[in-house]
Protein backbone atom coordinates (compact mmCIF):
# COMPACT_ATOMS: atom_id res chain seq x y z
CA MET A 1 0.10 0.01 0.00
CA SER A 2 1.37 3.73 -0.88
CA ALA A 3 2.05 6.01 1.77
CA ASP A 4 -0.71 8.48 0.39
CA LYS A 5 -3.32 5.47 0.48
CA LYS A 6 -2.22 4.77 4.20
CA LYS A 7 -2.25 8.69 4.82
CA ARG A 8 -5.69 8.62 3.60
CA GLY A 9 -6.94 5.41 5.29
CA LYS A 10 -8.22 4.07 1.95
CA SER A 11 -7.67 0.13 0.55
CA SER A 12 -6.43 -0.37 -2.49
CA ILE A 13 -9.90 -0.70 -4.01
CA GLY A 14 -9.58 3.12 -4.82
CA PRO A 15 -12.06 5.87 -4.39
CA ILE A 16 -15.98 5.37 -3.91
CA VAL A 17 -17.27 6.19 -6.61
CA SER A 18 -20.11 5.22 -9.12
CA SER A 19 -18.16 5.16 -12.51
CA ALA A 20 -14.60 4.10 -12.25
CA HIS A 21 -13.58 5.56 -15.72
CA LEU A 22 -14.92 9.24 -14.33
CA ALA A 23 -12.47 8.83 -11.54
CA ALA A 24 -9.33 8.12 -14.17
CA GLU A 25 -6.50 11.52 -14.57
CA GLY A 26 -7.07 13.10 -11.29
CA ALA A 27 -10.54 13.15 -11.08
CA SER A 28 -11.37 10.90 -8.53
CA GLU A 29 -12.13 13.37 -5.50
CA LEU A 30 -14.51 15.22 -8.21
CA SER A 31 -16.10 11.77 -8.81
CA GLU A 32 -15.73 10.49 -5.03
CA PHE A 33 -18.24 14.15 -4.75
CA GLU A 34 -20.55 13.45 -7.08
CA PHE A 35 -21.00 10.15 -6.33
CA GLY A 36 -21.53 11.24 -2.49
CA LEU A 37 -23.66 13.83 -3.83
CA THR A 38 -26.09 11.50 -6.21
CA LEU A 39 -26.52 9.28 -3.22
CA ALA A 40 -27.54 12.35 -0.63
CA ASN A 41 -30.02 13.59 -3.26
CA ASN A 42 -31.80 10.38 -3.60
CA ALA A 43 -31.92 9.94 0.11
CA PHE A 44 -33.05 13.66 0.80
CA HIS A 45 -35.95 13.17 -2.12
CA ARG A 46 -36.75 9.90 -0.39
CA TRP A 47 -36.86 11.37 2.96
CA ILE A 48 -39.09 14.32 1.83
CA VAL A 49 -41.26 12.52 0.15
CA ARG A 50 -41.72 10.17 3.62
CA CYS A 51 -41.85 12.93 5.21
CA MET A 52 -44.89 14.85 3.55
CA ALA A 53 -46.87 11.63 3.44
CA ALA A 54 -46.54 11.42 7.04
CA ALA A 55 -48.02 15.57 7.01
CA GLY A 56 -50.78 14.10 5.32
CA TYR A 57 -49.99 13.76 1.44
CA PRO A 58 -48.67 11.05 0.33
CA ASP A 59 -49.03 11.64 -3.24
CA LEU A 60 -46.51 14.72 -3.68
CA GLY A 61 -43.32 14.29 -5.39
CA ALA A 62 -40.20 15.53 -4.55
CA LEU A 63 -40.22 18.84 -6.54
CA GLU A 64 -43.73 18.84 -5.67
CA VAL A 65 -43.09 19.12 -1.57
CA LEU A 66 -39.29 21.43 -2.63
CA ILE A 67 -42.10 23.67 -4.50
CA LEU A 68 -44.83 24.14 -1.62
CA HIS A 69 -41.91 25.19 0.99
CA THR A 70 -40.72 27.49 -1.71
CA VAL A 71 -44.09 29.26 -2.28
CA ASN A 72 -44.51 29.02 1.54
CA HIS A 73 -41.35 30.65 2.29
CA ARG A 74 -41.58 34.05 4.18
CA ASP A 75 -44.93 34.09 3.62
CA ARG A 76 -45.12 35.79 0.34
CA ALA A 77 -46.75 35.25 -3.00
CA LYS A 78 -43.96 34.32 -5.88
CA LYS A 79 -43.88 34.05 -9.35
CA LEU A 80 -43.54 30.93 -11.35
CA ALA A 81 -39.61 32.28 -12.67
CA ASP A 82 -38.83 33.18 -9.17
CA ILE A 83 -39.71 29.68 -8.25
CA CYS A 84 -37.80 27.99 -11.07
CA LEU A 85 -34.76 30.47 -10.34
CA VAL A 86 -34.77 29.33 -6.63
CA LEU A 87 -34.82 25.77 -7.05
CA ASN A 88 -32.40 26.29 -10.29
CA VAL A 89 -34.92 24.46 -12.11
CA GLU A 90 -35.03 25.09 -16.06
CA ASP A 91 -37.90 23.62 -17.14
CA THR A 92 -41.08 25.78 -16.53
CA HIS A 93 -43.45 23.56 -17.40
CA VAL A 94 -42.58 20.96 -15.16
CA VAL A 95 -42.81 23.32 -12.32
CA ASN A 96 -46.03 24.59 -13.98
CA TYR A 97 -47.53 21.09 -13.89
CA ALA A 98 -46.49 20.80 -10.00
CA LEU A 99 -48.21 23.91 -9.16
CA LYS A 100 -50.97 22.96 -10.73
CA LYS A 101 -51.36 20.11 -8.81
CA LEU A 102 -50.69 21.78 -5.73
CA VAL A 103 -53.72 24.23 -6.31
CA LYS A 104 -55.69 20.86 -7.34
CA LEU A 105 -55.43 20.21 -3.55
CA ARG A 106 -56.16 23.41 -2.28
CA LEU A 107 -52.27 23.51 -0.77
CA VAL A 108 -51.22 26.78 -2.54
CA ASP A 109 -53.49 29.69 -4.36
CA SER A 110 -53.05 31.26 -7.88
CA THR A 111 -53.87 34.91 -8.32
CA LYS A 112 -53.59 37.17 -11.18
CA SER A 113 -50.72 40.52 -11.09
CA GLY A 114 -51.20 41.95 -14.95
CA LYS A 115 -49.43 39.28 -17.13
CA GLU A 116 -48.42 37.02 -14.22
CA ASN A 117 -49.50 34.46 -12.24
CA LEU A 118 -48.76 34.65 -8.35
CA PHE A 119 -48.42 31.81 -6.46
CA ALA A 120 -48.90 31.54 -2.24
CA THR A 121 -49.78 28.66 -0.08
CA THR A 122 -53.38 28.73 1.52
CA ASP A 123 -53.76 28.00 4.91
CA THR A 124 -53.96 24.37 4.65
CA GLY A 125 -50.78 24.76 2.62
CA ALA A 126 -49.01 26.49 5.26
CA GLU A 127 -50.78 24.34 7.98
CA THR A 128 -49.02 21.18 5.91
CA CYS A 129 -45.50 22.66 5.67
CA GLU A 130 -45.86 23.63 9.73
CA ARG A 131 -46.79 19.73 10.40
CA TYR A 132 -44.19 18.89 8.23
CA ARG A 133 -41.52 20.87 10.25
CA GLU A 134 -42.79 18.96 13.53
CA ILE A 135 -42.38 16.04 11.55
CA ARG A 136 -39.00 17.04 10.62
CA ASP A 137 -38.17 18.01 14.03
CA GLN A 138 -38.63 14.61 15.76
CA CYS A 139 -37.19 12.37 12.90
CA LEU A 140 -34.31 14.56 11.66
CA VAL A 141 -33.33 17.16 13.65
CA GLU A 142 -33.54 15.90 16.73
CA THR A 143 -31.35 12.68 15.27
CA PHE A 144 -28.82 15.06 14.38
CA THR A 145 -28.59 17.02 17.26
CA SER A 146 -28.21 14.21 19.63
CA PHE A 147 -25.58 12.51 17.35
CA GLY A 148 -23.42 15.89 17.97
CA GLY A 149 -24.03 17.27 14.58
CA ASN A 150 -21.93 20.07 14.17
CA ALA A 151 -24.05 22.95 12.85
CA LYS A 152 -21.02 24.87 11.79
CA GLN A 153 -19.84 22.33 9.54
CA VAL A 154 -23.17 21.79 7.67
CA SER A 155 -23.23 25.09 6.92
CA GLU A 156 -19.71 25.24 5.33
CA LEU A 157 -21.01 22.52 3.35
CA ALA A 158 -23.76 24.15 1.99
CA ALA A 159 -21.69 26.77 0.75
CA LEU A 160 -19.54 24.30 -0.65
CA MET A 161 -22.32 23.04 -2.30
CA ARG A 162 -23.91 26.36 -3.60
CA MET A 163 -20.35 26.98 -4.82
CA LEU A 164 -19.85 23.95 -6.93
CA SER A 165 -23.63 24.25 -8.31
CA GLY A 166 -22.39 27.46 -9.75
CA LEU A 167 -19.43 24.91 -11.51
CA TYR A 168 -21.68 22.28 -12.61
CA ASP A 169 -24.17 25.39 -14.09
CA GLN A 170 -20.97 26.96 -16.01
CA ALA A 171 -20.10 23.54 -17.28
CA ALA A 172 -23.52 22.98 -18.36
CA ARG A 173 -23.15 25.91 -20.20
CA ALA A 174 -20.01 25.20 -22.04
CA ALA A 175 -20.65 21.39 -22.99
CA THR A 176 -24.02 23.12 -24.63
CA SER A 177 -21.93 25.10 -26.85
CA LEU A 178 -19.68 22.19 -28.10
């Protein structure tokens, strides 16, 4: 075993990645991050769907849950474009479809303001978000803090992930122009 691998505590198997062909030539750390991000993203989506089901809405998908929380944020009506921007969703049609579903469930209300539709949570939508928060506190936050969750480290990781999302956005623009 090389000194570098002993130092990092890794076996001769190599880094934990989902696609070894992407980990070649100095990109193994980025591939490790991408694999971790994939696992975290899928676990997070599974969690928010299950939490919302426990809050009384088992038929909402992950994006619908995220949109509901975004619309509820700061108790102000939001435009479709703003919701897409905040969530970094390129396809407005997908968000619009999700909003229609939330309106049909009476969690969100839509009002016209000039040429734009504005979306705000209904009382039921706000109560649902509050119930979700209570379940989140009980199932996730309490466990996080009981295991000594380091809020500063999580905040730093969140900042790093936001920065990396900008790099991925720039890479997507570059790949589109090829």
